Amino acid sequence: MEELINLVVAKTGLSESHARLAVETVLSFLKSKLPAPLASQIDGLLAGGASSGLDLGSIGGALGGLFDKK
């Protein structure tokens, strides 16, 4: 998550504390809107970086379920 916070600081000029609050707010919002398996993948990605073993199959299935609704 630190990498994301640093990117927000660099792109926006916000202070580290404001960037942290912004990132935490957006991530909390996303996790509340996504299916649980996908939300947990976000936590794993942030904890372990790109090598966290992100399961693209389960993400695709979860997203497919979202878009199949009419």
C-alpha atoms as a PDB file:
ATOM      1  CA  MET A   1       0.000   0.000   0.000  1.00  0.00           C
ATOM      2  CA  GLU A   2       2.948   2.301   0.600  1.00  0.00           C
ATOM      3  CA  GLU A   3       3.776   2.234  -3.093  1.00  0.00           C
ATOM      4  CA  LEU A   4       0.251   3.357  -3.943  1.00  0.00           C
ATOM      5  CA  ILE A   5       0.361   6.115  -1.316  1.00  0.00           C
ATOM      6  CA  ASN A   6       3.699   7.330  -2.659  1.00  0.00           C
ATOM      7  CA  LEU A   7       2.259   7.383  -6.176  1.00  0.00           C
ATOM      8  CA  VAL A   8      -0.691   9.501  -5.018  1.00  0.00           C
ATOM      9  CA  VAL A   9       1.714  11.891  -3.276  1.00  0.00           C
ATOM     10  CA  ALA A  10       3.835  12.178  -6.422  1.00  0.00           C
ATOM     11  CA  LYS A  11       0.897  12.651  -8.795  1.00  0.00           C
ATOM     12  CA  THR A  12      -1.179  15.023  -6.661  1.00  0.00           C
ATOM     13  CA  GLY A  13       1.220  16.827  -4.367  1.00  0.00           C
ATOM     14  CA  LEU A  14      -0.885  15.805  -1.352  1.00  0.00           C
ATOM     15  CA  SER A  15       0.842  15.264   1.952  1.00  0.00           C
ATOM     16  CA  GLU A  16       1.569  11.656   2.916  1.00  0.00           C
ATOM     17  CA  SER A  17      -1.160  11.680   5.553  1.00  0.00           C
ATOM     18  CA  HIS A  18      -3.781  13.030   3.127  1.00  0.00           C
ATOM     19  CA  ALA A  19      -2.704  10.581   0.427  1.00  0.00           C
ATOM     20  CA  ARG A  20      -2.951   7.707   2.940  1.00  0.00           C
ATOM     21  CA  LEU A  21      -6.463   8.789   3.893  1.00  0.00           C
ATOM     22  CA  ALA A  22      -7.472   9.038   0.232  1.00  0.00           C
ATOM     23  CA  VAL A  23      -6.077   5.596  -0.614  1.00  0.00           C
ATOM     24  CA  GLU A  24      -7.667   3.970   2.436  1.00  0.00           C
ATOM     25  CA  THR A  25     -11.011   5.590   1.603  1.00  0.00           C
ATOM     26  CA  VAL A  26     -10.984   4.436  -2.023  1.00  0.00           C
ATOM     27  CA  LEU A  27      -9.881   0.913  -1.105  1.00  0.00           C
ATOM     28  CA  SER A  28     -12.550   0.640   1.560  1.00  0.00           C
ATOM     29  CA  PHE A  29     -15.178   1.777  -0.932  1.00  0.00           C
ATOM     30  CA  LEU A  30     -14.010  -0.684  -3.585  1.00  0.00           C
ATOM     31  CA  LYS A  31     -13.920  -3.600  -1.163  1.00  0.00           C
ATOM     32  CA  SER A  32     -17.445  -2.805   0.026  1.00  0.00           C
ATOM     33  CA  LYS A  33     -18.769  -2.902  -3.558  1.00  0.00           C
ATOM     34  CA  LEU A  34     -16.895  -5.950  -4.866  1.00  0.00           C
ATOM     35  CA  PRO A  35     -17.753  -9.603  -4.265  1.00  0.00           C
ATOM     36  CA  ALA A  36     -15.891 -11.012  -1.236  1.00  0.00           C
ATOM     37  CA  PRO A  37     -13.434 -13.162  -3.254  1.00  0.00           C
ATOM     38  CA  LEU A  38     -12.392 -10.167  -5.305  1.00  0.00           C
ATOM     39  CA  ALA A  39     -12.188  -7.852  -2.291  1.00  0.00           C
ATOM     40  CA  SER A  40      -9.859 -10.285  -0.533  1.00  0.00           C
ATOM     41  CA  GLN A  41      -7.637 -10.325  -3.631  1.00  0.00           C
ATOM     42  CA  ILE A  42      -7.150  -6.568  -3.196  1.00  0.00           C
ATOM     43  CA  ASP A  43      -5.899  -7.105   0.353  1.00  0.00           C
ATOM     44  CA  GLY A  44      -3.541  -9.827  -0.853  1.00  0.00           C
ATOM     45  CA  LEU A  45      -2.210  -7.702  -3.658  1.00  0.00           C
ATOM     46  CA  LEU A  46      -1.527  -4.774  -1.338  1.00  0.00           C
ATOM     47  CA  ALA A  47       0.119  -6.990   1.267  1.00  0.00           C
ATOM     48  CA  GLY A  48       2.334  -8.905  -1.129  1.00  0.00           C
ATOM     49  CA  GLY A  49       2.734  -6.701  -4.143  1.00  0.00           C
ATOM     50  CA  ALA A  50       2.563  -8.039  -7.675  1.00  0.00           C
ATOM     51  CA  SER A  51       3.916 -11.469  -6.664  1.00  0.00           C
ATOM     52  CA  SER A  52       1.075 -12.158  -4.241  1.00  0.00           C
ATOM     53  CA  GLY A  53      -0.430 -14.907  -6.382  1.00  0.00           C
ATOM     54  CA  LEU A  54      -3.385 -12.929  -7.633  1.00  0.00           C
ATOM     55  CA  ASP A  55      -5.989 -15.453  -8.818  1.00  0.00           C
ATOM     56  CA  LEU A  56      -7.161 -14.072 -12.143  1.00  0.00           C
ATOM     57  CA  GLY A  57      -9.554 -16.981 -12.629  1.00  0.00           C
ATOM     58  CA  SER A  58     -11.577 -16.159  -9.539  1.00  0.00           C
ATOM     59  CA  ILE A  59     -11.499 -12.474 -10.376  1.00  0.00           C
ATOM     60  CA  GLY A  60     -12.839 -13.184 -13.855  1.00  0.00           C
ATOM     61  CA  GLY A  61     -15.603 -15.371 -12.426  1.00  0.00           C
ATOM     62  CA  ALA A  62     -16.603 -12.746  -9.885  1.00  0.00           C
ATOM     63  CA  LEU A  63     -16.656  -9.991 -12.475  1.00  0.00           C
ATOM     64  CA  GLY A  64     -18.571 -12.184 -14.894  1.00  0.00           C
ATOM     65  CA  GLY A  65     -21.245 -12.604 -12.263  1.00  0.00           C
ATOM     66  CA  LEU A  66     -21.499  -8.852 -11.893  1.00  0.00           C
ATOM     67  CA  PHE A  67     -21.981  -8.218 -15.596  1.00  0.00           C
ATOM     68  CA  ASP A  68     -24.449 -11.071 -16.186  1.00  0.00           C
ATOM     69  CA  LYS A  69     -27.084  -9.346 -14.052  1.00  0.00           C
ATOM     70  CA  LYS A  70     -29.910  -7.696 -15.933  1.00  0.00           C
END
